[in-house]
Amino acid sequence: MTSLSLRSDDEREPARGRGRGVLLFLLFLLILALAGLGLLAYRILLRAEAVERQLAAVSAKADEAAALARQATERSSTAEAAARAAAEGRQLAEAQTVGARQEADAARQEASSAKETAAQAQAEAAAIRKKAEAEVNRLEAALGQVAETRRTALGLVMNLGSDHLKFEFDKADLRPEDRELLSRIAGIILTSHDYTISVNGHTDDVGSDAYNQALSERRAQAVRDYLVKAGLPAQILTVQGHGKSLPLVRGTSEAARAKNRRVELGLVNTQIRYGR
């Protein structure tokens, strides 16, 4: 029994050793497998990280490309807007240029027409003035045969001194011969047109200023009233008294005073600009 037991134990001992070896070998293989799996997992992790980095780089490039695309789109939109604005500006400028040219042409035509009108008006005015000058010369010659008539910067002045109109002292009444003289003057003036006539009364230096002023006005008014009765339009006649303020000659002699006692008729042709 004992020997059998010992053989059995001896037989079992190698079997157990072989079992442990197998286990160890399997354990070794398991460790190797786990190590391989760990290495594989590590490599997979590294590759995943690399892929993530690549994805991040690609995403960054994509974002950058998108930003660049947006910027390009914005620049394109800005350029298109600028181009449209420039085109509109060119169209507006062209329209304004056309309008300005049309206005300039119209202005030139108006200026040319205005020049022609002005030239025609000047020619007409020159003709009217020439005719009026001739009429003044004729009237001056005709009135000069009746009484002293001189030409001044304002027109014709006819001097009706005491040798033509003889008023009694302190009187403004016209004598028959005075009325005859004034009728002749009115007849000559009626042959002309476009005249205004001022009747100016003057006295000598005898008496006060107030007295002579009133006397000169009464005598001028008497001459004016008779000229109206003789046919001259009342609206072309005005009256003014100057008293002794405008003597024709200086001095206190009877001859000087006789020249200063006068009525003057100032005739102005309205078609002539005197003194121009």
C-alpha atoms as a PDB file:
ATOM      1  CA  MET A   1       0.000   0.000   0.000  1.00  0.00           C
ATOM      2  CA  THR A   2       2.688   2.312   0.985  1.00  0.00           C
ATOM      3  CA  SER A   3       4.739   1.750  -2.085  1.00  0.00           C
ATOM      4  CA  LEU A   4       1.780   2.177  -4.265  1.00  0.00           C
ATOM      5  CA  SER A   5       0.947   5.412  -2.564  1.00  0.00           C
ATOM      6  CA  LEU A   6       4.419   6.656  -3.034  1.00  0.00           C
ATOM      7  CA  ARG A   7       4.364   5.822  -6.711  1.00  0.00           C
ATOM      8  CA  SER A   8       1.094   7.454  -7.088  1.00  0.00           C
ATOM      9  CA  ASP A   9       2.412  10.574  -5.443  1.00  0.00           C
ATOM     10  CA  ASP A  10       5.469  10.467  -7.628  1.00  0.00           C
ATOM     11  CA  GLU A  11       3.357  10.029 -10.665  1.00  0.00           C
ATOM     12  CA  ARG A  12       1.114  12.902  -9.593  1.00  0.00           C
ATOM     13  CA  GLU A  13       4.038  15.284  -8.909  1.00  0.00           C
ATOM     14  CA  PRO A  14       5.184  15.558 -12.531  1.00  0.00           C
ATOM     15  CA  ALA A  15       1.625  15.933 -13.653  1.00  0.00           C
ATOM     16  CA  ARG A  16       1.158  18.818 -11.238  1.00  0.00           C
ATOM     17  CA  GLY A  17       4.415  20.351 -12.446  1.00  0.00           C
ATOM     18  CA  ARG A  18       3.271  20.099 -16.013  1.00  0.00           C
ATOM     19  CA  GLY A  19      -0.053  21.717 -15.061  1.00  0.00           C
ATOM     20  CA  ARG A  20       1.691  24.563 -13.328  1.00  0.00           C
ATOM     21  CA  GLY A  21       3.895  25.062 -16.355  1.00  0.00           C
ATOM     22  CA  VAL A  22       0.878  25.161 -18.599  1.00  0.00           C
ATOM     23  CA  LEU A  23      -0.747  27.659 -16.292  1.00  0.00           C
ATOM     24  CA  LEU A  24       2.346  29.740 -16.200  1.00  0.00           C
ATOM     25  CA  PHE A  25       2.603  29.554 -19.930  1.00  0.00           C
ATOM     26  CA  LEU A  26      -1.006  30.537 -20.287  1.00  0.00           C
ATOM     27  CA  LEU A  27      -0.491  33.289 -17.778  1.00  0.00           C
ATOM     28  CA  PHE A  28       2.497  34.453 -19.756  1.00  0.00           C
ATOM     29  CA  LEU A  29       0.481  34.361 -22.912  1.00  0.00           C
ATOM     30  CA  LEU A  30      -2.286  36.301 -21.180  1.00  0.00           C
ATOM     31  CA  ILE A  31       0.215  38.866 -19.989  1.00  0.00           C
ATOM     32  CA  LEU A  32       1.638  39.070 -23.475  1.00  0.00           C
ATOM     33  CA  ALA A  33      -1.842  39.439 -24.879  1.00  0.00           C
ATOM     34  CA  LEU A  34      -2.707  42.099 -22.323  1.00  0.00           C
ATOM     35  CA  ALA A  35       0.549  43.889 -23.039  1.00  0.00           C
ATOM     36  CA  GLY A  36      -0.196  43.681 -26.742  1.00  0.00           C
ATOM     37  CA  LEU A  37      -3.688  44.938 -26.135  1.00  0.00           C
ATOM     38  CA  GLY A  38      -2.317  47.770 -23.976  1.00  0.00           C
ATOM     39  CA  LEU A  39       0.217  48.614 -26.625  1.00  0.00           C
ATOM     40  CA  LEU A  40      -2.467  48.460 -29.251  1.00  0.00           C
ATOM     41  CA  ALA A  41      -4.759  50.616 -27.128  1.00  0.00           C
ATOM     42  CA  TYR A  42      -1.912  53.057 -26.556  1.00  0.00           C
ATOM     43  CA  ARG A  43      -1.226  53.204 -30.265  1.00  0.00           C
ATOM     44  CA  ILE A  44      -4.926  53.593 -30.956  1.00  0.00           C
ATOM     45  CA  LEU A  45      -5.025  56.387 -28.368  1.00  0.00           C
ATOM     46  CA  LEU A  46      -2.034  58.073 -29.979  1.00  0.00           C
ATOM     47  CA  ARG A  47      -3.594  57.722 -33.400  1.00  0.00           C
ATOM     48  CA  ALA A  48      -6.895  59.061 -32.053  1.00  0.00           C
ATOM     49  CA  GLU A  49      -5.087  62.034 -30.547  1.00  0.00           C
ATOM     50  CA  ALA A  50      -3.278  62.586 -33.835  1.00  0.00           C
ATOM     51  CA  VAL A  51      -6.588  62.333 -35.658  1.00  0.00           C
ATOM     52  CA  GLU A  52      -8.106  64.775 -33.199  1.00  0.00           C
ATOM     53  CA  ARG A  53      -5.200  67.152 -33.768  1.00  0.00           C
ATOM     54  CA  GLN A  54      -5.603  66.764 -37.503  1.00  0.00           C
ATOM     55  CA  LEU A  55      -9.334  67.315 -37.168  1.00  0.00           C
ATOM     56  CA  ALA A  56      -8.677  70.390 -35.022  1.00  0.00           C
ATOM     57  CA  ALA A  57      -6.195  71.688 -37.601  1.00  0.00           C
ATOM     58  CA  VAL A  58      -8.618  70.931 -40.398  1.00  0.00           C
ATOM     59  CA  SER A  59     -11.402  72.623 -38.436  1.00  0.00           C
ATOM     60  CA  ALA A  60      -9.187  75.663 -37.811  1.00  0.00           C
ATOM     61  CA  LYS A  61      -8.281  75.785 -41.480  1.00  0.00           C
ATOM     62  CA  ALA A  62     -11.940  75.408 -42.334  1.00  0.00           C
ATOM     63  CA  ASP A  63     -12.819  78.254 -39.946  1.00  0.00           C
ATOM     64  CA  GLU A  64     -10.017  80.347 -41.393  1.00  0.00           C
ATOM     65  CA  ALA A  65     -11.166  79.527 -44.897  1.00  0.00           C
ATOM     66  CA  ALA A  66     -14.733  80.391 -43.936  1.00  0.00           C
ATOM     67  CA  ALA A  67     -13.565  83.703 -42.430  1.00  0.00           C
ATOM     68  CA  LEU A  68     -11.548  84.407 -45.546  1.00  0.00           C
ATOM     69  CA  ALA A  69     -14.564  83.501 -47.648  1.00  0.00           C
ATOM     70  CA  ARG A  70     -16.743  85.868 -45.609  1.00  0.00           C
ATOM     71  CA  GLN A  71     -14.172  88.615 -45.970  1.00  0.00           C
ATOM     72  CA  ALA A  72     -13.966  87.965 -49.685  1.00  0.00           C
ATOM     73  CA  THR A  73     -17.755  88.012 -49.900  1.00  0.00           C
ATOM     74  CA  GLU A  74     -17.857  91.282 -47.964  1.00  0.00           C
ATOM     75  CA  ARG A  75     -15.148  92.755 -50.179  1.00  0.00           C
ATOM     76  CA  SER A  76     -17.029  91.553 -53.212  1.00  0.00           C
ATOM     77  CA  SER A  77     -20.253  93.104 -51.922  1.00  0.00           C
ATOM     78  CA  THR A  78     -18.423  96.339 -51.128  1.00  0.00           C
ATOM     79  CA  ALA A  79     -16.817  96.333 -54.549  1.00  0.00           C
ATOM     80  CA  GLU A  80     -20.173  95.670 -56.205  1.00  0.00           C
ATOM     81  CA  ALA A  81     -21.782  98.473 -54.197  1.00  0.00           C
ATOM     82  CA  ALA A  82     -18.916 100.804 -55.102  1.00  0.00           C
ATOM     83  CA  ALA A  83     -19.225  99.780 -58.730  1.00  0.00           C
ATOM     84  CA  ARG A  84     -22.966 100.444 -58.663  1.00  0.00           C
ATOM     85  CA  ALA A  85     -22.407 103.777 -56.962  1.00  0.00           C
ATOM     86  CA  ALA A  86     -19.720 104.653 -59.498  1.00  0.00           C
ATOM     87  CA  ALA A  87     -22.013 103.652 -62.345  1.00  0.00           C
ATOM     88  CA  GLU A  88     -24.847 105.693 -60.871  1.00  0.00           C
ATOM     89  CA  GLY A  89     -22.431 108.568 -60.337  1.00  0.00           C
ATOM     90  CA  ARG A  90     -21.267 108.337 -63.923  1.00  0.00           C
ATOM     91  CA  GLN A  91     -24.854 108.241 -65.136  1.00  0.00           C
ATOM     92  CA  LEU A  92     -25.727 111.213 -62.931  1.00  0.00           C
ATOM     93  CA  ALA A  93     -22.614 113.074 -64.049  1.00  0.00           C
ATOM     94  CA  GLU A  94     -23.409 112.315 -67.666  1.00  0.00           C
ATOM     95  CA  ALA A  95     -26.986 113.490 -67.156  1.00  0.00           C
ATOM     96  CA  GLN A  96     -25.763 116.611 -65.394  1.00  0.00           C
ATOM     97  CA  THR A  97     -23.241 117.201 -68.154  1.00  0.00           C
ATOM     98  CA  VAL A  98     -25.942 116.865 -70.771  1.00  0.00           C
ATOM     99  CA  GLY A  99     -28.204 119.173 -68.770  1.00  0.00           C
ATOM    100  CA  ALA A 100     -25.377 121.661 -68.279  1.00  0.00           C
ATOM    101  CA  ARG A 101     -24.621 121.609 -71.994  1.00  0.00           C
ATOM    102  CA  GLN A 102     -28.272 122.151 -72.795  1.00  0.00           C
ATOM    103  CA  GLU A 103     -28.448 124.995 -70.278  1.00  0.00           C
ATOM    104  CA  ALA A 104     -25.252 126.467 -71.701  1.00  0.00           C
ATOM    105  CA  ASP A 105     -26.646 126.230 -75.227  1.00  0.00           C
ATOM    106  CA  ALA A 106     -29.886 127.829 -74.080  1.00  0.00           C
ATOM    107  CA  ALA A 107     -27.930 130.537 -72.235  1.00  0.00           C
ATOM    108  CA  ARG A 108     -25.828 131.213 -75.328  1.00  0.00           C
ATOM    109  CA  GLN A 109     -28.953 131.430 -77.439  1.00  0.00           C
ATOM    110  CA  GLU A 110     -30.562 133.752 -74.896  1.00  0.00           C
ATOM    111  CA  ALA A 111     -27.390 135.838 -74.736  1.00  0.00           C
ATOM    112  CA  SER A 112     -27.254 136.024 -78.508  1.00  0.00           C
ATOM    113  CA  SER A 113     -30.919 136.941 -78.644  1.00  0.00           C
ATOM    114  CA  ALA A 114     -30.403 139.485 -75.854  1.00  0.00           C
ATOM    115  CA  LYS A 115     -27.460 140.996 -77.730  1.00  0.00           C
ATOM    116  CA  GLU A 116     -29.529 141.231 -80.865  1.00  0.00           C
ATOM    117  CA  THR A 117     -32.400 142.752 -78.921  1.00  0.00           C
ATOM    118  CA  ALA A 118     -30.037 145.157 -77.165  1.00  0.00           C
ATOM    119  CA  ALA A 119     -28.401 146.112 -80.450  1.00  0.00           C
ATOM    120  CA  GLN A 120     -31.814 146.657 -81.993  1.00  0.00           C
ATOM    121  CA  ALA A 121     -32.939 148.662 -78.963  1.00  0.00           C
ATOM    122  CA  GLN A 122     -29.756 150.724 -79.080  1.00  0.00           C
ATOM    123  CA  ALA A 123     -30.255 151.357 -82.777  1.00  0.00           C
ATOM    124  CA  GLU A 124     -33.872 152.350 -82.145  1.00  0.00           C
ATOM    125  CA  ALA A 125     -32.826 154.546 -79.213  1.00  0.00           C
ATOM    126  CA  ALA A 126     -30.112 156.154 -81.322  1.00  0.00           C
ATOM    127  CA  ALA A 127     -32.636 156.820 -84.068  1.00  0.00           C
ATOM    128  CA  ILE A 128     -35.119 158.272 -81.582  1.00  0.00           C
ATOM    129  CA  ARG A 129     -32.401 160.391 -79.988  1.00  0.00           C
ATOM    130  CA  LYS A 130     -31.207 161.612 -83.367  1.00  0.00           C
ATOM    131  CA  LYS A 131     -34.748 162.521 -84.310  1.00  0.00           C
ATOM    132  CA  ALA A 132     -35.305 164.188 -80.943  1.00  0.00           C
ATOM    133  CA  GLU A 133     -32.028 166.110 -81.247  1.00  0.00           C
ATOM    134  CA  ALA A 134     -33.096 167.341 -84.660  1.00  0.00           C
ATOM    135  CA  GLU A 135     -36.445 168.382 -83.187  1.00  0.00           C
ATOM    136  CA  VAL A 136     -34.728 170.225 -80.332  1.00  0.00           C
ATOM    137  CA  ASN A 137     -32.550 172.062 -82.833  1.00  0.00           C
ATOM    138  CA  ARG A 138     -35.621 172.989 -84.867  1.00  0.00           C
ATOM    139  CA  LEU A 139     -37.511 174.112 -81.781  1.00  0.00           C
ATOM    140  CA  GLU A 140     -34.532 176.109 -80.514  1.00  0.00           C
ATOM    141  CA  ALA A 141     -34.270 177.947 -83.841  1.00  0.00           C
ATOM    142  CA  ALA A 142     -38.030 178.619 -83.975  1.00  0.00           C
ATOM    143  CA  LEU A 143     -38.298 179.853 -80.375  1.00  0.00           C
ATOM    144  CA  GLY A 144     -35.098 181.844 -80.765  1.00  0.00           C
ATOM    145  CA  GLN A 145     -36.853 184.013 -83.315  1.00  0.00           C
ATOM    146  CA  VAL A 146     -39.445 184.942 -80.681  1.00  0.00           C
ATOM    147  CA  ALA A 147     -37.271 185.439 -77.596  1.00  0.00           C
ATOM    148  CA  GLU A 148     -33.816 184.584 -76.248  1.00  0.00           C
ATOM    149  CA  THR A 149     -33.506 180.799 -76.163  1.00  0.00           C
ATOM    150  CA  ARG A 150     -30.435 178.925 -74.995  1.00  0.00           C
ATOM    151  CA  ARG A 151     -29.558 175.268 -74.694  1.00  0.00           C
ATOM    152  CA  THR A 152     -28.464 173.870 -71.325  1.00  0.00           C
ATOM    153  CA  ALA A 153     -27.598 170.467 -69.917  1.00  0.00           C
ATOM    154  CA  LEU A 154     -31.270 170.027 -69.004  1.00  0.00           C
ATOM    155  CA  GLY A 155     -32.815 171.193 -72.264  1.00  0.00           C
ATOM    156  CA  LEU A 156     -33.965 174.530 -73.687  1.00  0.00           C
ATOM    157  CA  VAL A 157     -34.442 177.639 -71.568  1.00  0.00           C
ATOM    158  CA  MET A 158     -36.471 180.506 -73.018  1.00  0.00           C
ATOM    159  CA  ASN A 159     -35.908 183.827 -71.270  1.00  0.00           C
ATOM    160  CA  LEU A 160     -38.937 186.109 -71.251  1.00  0.00           C
ATOM    161  CA  GLY A 161     -37.408 189.173 -69.672  1.00  0.00           C
ATOM    162  CA  SER A 162     -38.887 192.606 -69.142  1.00  0.00           C
ATOM    163  CA  ASP A 163     -38.299 193.388 -72.794  1.00  0.00           C
ATOM    164  CA  HIS A 164     -40.870 190.689 -73.648  1.00  0.00           C
ATOM    165  CA  LEU A 165     -43.194 190.387 -70.661  1.00  0.00           C
ATOM    166  CA  LYS A 166     -43.861 193.715 -68.971  1.00  0.00           C
ATOM    167  CA  PHE A 167     -45.702 193.245 -65.658  1.00  0.00           C
ATOM    168  CA  GLU A 168     -46.909 196.302 -63.825  1.00  0.00           C
ATOM    169  CA  PHE A 169     -45.489 196.966 -60.351  1.00  0.00           C
ATOM    170  CA  ASP A 170     -46.714 194.394 -57.840  1.00  0.00           C
ATOM    171  CA  LYS A 171     -48.931 192.895 -60.525  1.00  0.00           C
ATOM    172  CA  ALA A 172     -49.119 189.515 -62.245  1.00  0.00           C
ATOM    173  CA  ASP A 173     -51.590 190.457 -64.986  1.00  0.00           C
ATOM    174  CA  LEU A 174     -50.711 189.817 -68.621  1.00  0.00           C
ATOM    175  CA  ARG A 175     -51.047 192.612 -71.169  1.00  0.00           C
ATOM    176  CA  PRO A 176     -52.561 191.900 -74.611  1.00  0.00           C
ATOM    177  CA  GLU A 177     -49.107 191.979 -76.246  1.00  0.00           C
ATOM    178  CA  ASP A 178     -47.881 189.503 -73.598  1.00  0.00           C
ATOM    179  CA  ARG A 179     -50.734 187.153 -74.442  1.00  0.00           C
ATOM    180  CA  GLU A 180     -49.924 187.503 -78.153  1.00  0.00           C
ATOM    181  CA  LEU A 181     -46.301 186.569 -77.457  1.00  0.00           C
ATOM    182  CA  LEU A 182     -47.322 183.553 -75.375  1.00  0.00           C
ATOM    183  CA  SER A 183     -49.765 182.435 -78.107  1.00  0.00           C
ATOM    184  CA  ARG A 184     -46.919 182.420 -80.633  1.00  0.00           C
ATOM    185  CA  ILE A 185     -44.761 180.383 -78.214  1.00  0.00           C
ATOM    186  CA  ALA A 186     -47.618 177.911 -77.586  1.00  0.00           C
ATOM    187  CA  GLY A 187     -48.162 177.508 -81.325  1.00  0.00           C
ATOM    188  CA  ILE A 188     -44.492 176.602 -81.857  1.00  0.00           C
ATOM    189  CA  ILE A 189     -44.435 174.144 -78.955  1.00  0.00           C
ATOM    190  CA  LEU A 190     -47.650 172.475 -80.158  1.00  0.00           C
ATOM    191  CA  THR A 191     -45.807 171.369 -83.305  1.00  0.00           C
ATOM    192  CA  SER A 192     -43.539 169.215 -81.135  1.00  0.00           C
ATOM    193  CA  HIS A 193     -44.160 166.222 -78.890  1.00  0.00           C
ATOM    194  CA  ASP A 194     -42.669 164.571 -75.826  1.00  0.00           C
ATOM    195  CA  TYR A 195     -41.913 167.778 -73.940  1.00  0.00           C
ATOM    196  CA  THR A 196     -42.374 168.887 -70.371  1.00  0.00           C
ATOM    197  CA  ILE A 197     -42.344 172.607 -69.570  1.00  0.00           C
ATOM    198  CA  SER A 198     -41.453 174.287 -66.304  1.00  0.00           C
ATOM    199  CA  VAL A 199     -42.546 177.903 -65.848  1.00  0.00           C
ATOM    200  CA  ASN A 200     -40.087 179.693 -63.520  1.00  0.00           C
ATOM    201  CA  GLY A 201     -40.770 183.164 -62.095  1.00  0.00           C
ATOM    202  CA  HIS A 202     -37.924 185.538 -61.045  1.00  0.00           C
ATOM    203  CA  THR A 203     -37.834 189.055 -59.571  1.00  0.00           C
ATOM    204  CA  ASP A 204     -35.210 191.725 -58.963  1.00  0.00           C
ATOM    205  CA  ASP A 205     -33.680 192.459 -55.578  1.00  0.00           C
ATOM    206  CA  VAL A 206     -36.126 195.171 -54.531  1.00  0.00           C
ATOM    207  CA  GLY A 207     -38.311 194.105 -51.608  1.00  0.00           C
ATOM    208  CA  SER A 208     -38.187 191.309 -49.043  1.00  0.00           C
ATOM    209  CA  ASP A 209     -37.583 187.662 -49.824  1.00  0.00           C
ATOM    210  CA  ALA A 210     -41.163 186.692 -48.927  1.00  0.00           C
ATOM    211  CA  TYR A 211     -42.645 189.451 -51.072  1.00  0.00           C
ATOM    212  CA  ASN A 212     -40.548 188.593 -54.123  1.00  0.00           C
ATOM    213  CA  GLN A 213     -41.174 184.853 -53.670  1.00  0.00           C
ATOM    214  CA  ALA A 214     -44.940 185.310 -53.747  1.00  0.00           C
ATOM    215  CA  LEU A 215     -44.730 187.777 -56.671  1.00  0.00           C
ATOM    216  CA  SER A 216     -42.592 185.394 -58.741  1.00  0.00           C
ATOM    217  CA  GLU A 217     -45.049 182.541 -58.124  1.00  0.00           C
ATOM    218  CA  ARG A 218     -48.070 184.662 -59.162  1.00  0.00           C
ATOM    219  CA  ARG A 219     -46.434 185.793 -62.400  1.00  0.00           C
ATOM    220  CA  ALA A 220     -45.264 182.244 -63.293  1.00  0.00           C
ATOM    221  CA  GLN A 221     -48.786 180.969 -62.594  1.00  0.00           C
ATOM    222  CA  ALA A 222     -50.278 183.638 -64.892  1.00  0.00           C
ATOM    223  CA  VAL A 223     -48.006 182.568 -67.754  1.00  0.00           C
ATOM    224  CA  ARG A 224     -48.799 178.882 -67.153  1.00  0.00           C
ATOM    225  CA  ASP A 225     -52.559 179.491 -67.127  1.00  0.00           C
ATOM    226  CA  TYR A 226     -52.454 181.386 -70.406  1.00  0.00           C
ATOM    227  CA  LEU A 227     -50.319 178.680 -72.107  1.00  0.00           C
ATOM    228  CA  VAL A 228     -52.982 176.131 -71.113  1.00  0.00           C
ATOM    229  CA  LYS A 229     -55.686 178.402 -72.608  1.00  0.00           C
ATOM    230  CA  ALA A 230     -53.554 178.610 -75.756  1.00  0.00           C
ATOM    231  CA  GLY A 231     -53.748 174.832 -76.172  1.00  0.00           C
ATOM    232  CA  LEU A 232     -50.842 173.271 -74.295  1.00  0.00           C
ATOM    233  CA  PRO A 233     -51.759 170.232 -72.134  1.00  0.00           C
ATOM    234  CA  ALA A 234     -51.949 171.195 -68.479  1.00  0.00           C
ATOM    235  CA  GLN A 235     -50.182 167.990 -67.407  1.00  0.00           C
ATOM    236  CA  ILE A 236     -46.912 168.939 -69.118  1.00  0.00           C
ATOM    237  CA  LEU A 237     -46.692 172.307 -67.312  1.00  0.00           C
ATOM    238  CA  THR A 238     -45.287 172.937 -63.838  1.00  0.00           C
ATOM    239  CA  VAL A 239     -44.865 176.226 -61.951  1.00  0.00           C
ATOM    240  CA  GLN A 240     -42.120 177.364 -59.611  1.00  0.00           C
ATOM    241  CA  GLY A 241     -41.259 180.766 -58.134  1.00  0.00           C
ATOM    242  CA  HIS A 242     -37.675 181.639 -57.229  1.00  0.00           C
ATOM    243  CA  GLY A 243     -38.126 185.236 -55.998  1.00  0.00           C
ATOM    244  CA  LYS A 244     -34.814 187.084 -56.119  1.00  0.00           C
ATOM    245  CA  SER A 245     -32.661 184.019 -55.321  1.00  0.00           C
ATOM    246  CA  LEU A 246     -31.452 183.371 -58.896  1.00  0.00           C
ATOM    247  CA  PRO A 247     -30.506 186.661 -60.538  1.00  0.00           C
ATOM    248  CA  LEU A 248     -29.513 186.440 -64.173  1.00  0.00           C
ATOM    249  CA  VAL A 249     -26.937 189.224 -63.695  1.00  0.00           C
ATOM    250  CA  ARG A 250     -25.392 190.723 -60.580  1.00  0.00           C
ATOM    251  CA  GLY A 251     -25.885 194.373 -59.691  1.00  0.00           C
ATOM    252  CA  THR A 252     -28.414 196.880 -58.457  1.00  0.00           C
ATOM    253  CA  SER A 253     -28.605 199.064 -61.527  1.00  0.00           C
ATOM    254  CA  GLU A 254     -31.922 199.460 -63.328  1.00  0.00           C
ATOM    255  CA  ALA A 255     -30.522 197.578 -66.323  1.00  0.00           C
ATOM    256  CA  ALA A 256     -29.489 194.635 -64.112  1.00  0.00           C
ATOM    257  CA  ARG A 257     -32.820 194.625 -62.298  1.00  0.00           C
ATOM    258  CA  ALA A 258     -34.690 194.710 -65.607  1.00  0.00           C
ATOM    259  CA  LYS A 259     -32.857 191.570 -66.775  1.00  0.00           C
ATOM    260  CA  ASN A 260     -33.541 189.805 -63.480  1.00  0.00           C
ATOM    261  CA  ARG A 261     -37.305 190.502 -63.645  1.00  0.00           C
ATOM    262  CA  ARG A 262     -38.233 187.611 -65.916  1.00  0.00           C
ATOM    263  CA  VAL A 263     -40.155 184.407 -66.534  1.00  0.00           C
ATOM    264  CA  GLU A 264     -38.183 181.485 -67.935  1.00  0.00           C
ATOM    265  CA  LEU A 265     -39.655 178.503 -69.769  1.00  0.00           C
ATOM    266  CA  GLY A 266     -37.642 175.312 -69.356  1.00  0.00           C
ATOM    267  CA  LEU A 267     -38.382 172.773 -72.099  1.00  0.00           C
ATOM    268  CA  VAL A 268     -37.173 169.198 -71.634  1.00  0.00           C
ATOM    269  CA  ASN A 269     -37.517 166.586 -74.358  1.00  0.00           C
ATOM    270  CA  THR A 270     -38.398 163.313 -72.608  1.00  0.00           C
ATOM    271  CA  GLN A 271     -36.806 161.282 -75.422  1.00  0.00           C
ATOM    272  CA  ILE A 272     -33.322 162.670 -74.637  1.00  0.00           C
ATOM    273  CA  ARG A 273     -31.264 161.914 -71.559  1.00  0.00           C
ATOM    274  CA  TYR A 274     -29.587 165.243 -70.957  1.00  0.00           C
ATOM    275  CA  GLY A 275     -26.229 165.379 -69.296  1.00  0.00           C
ATOM    276  CA  ARG A 276     -25.414 161.709 -70.217  1.00  0.00           C
END
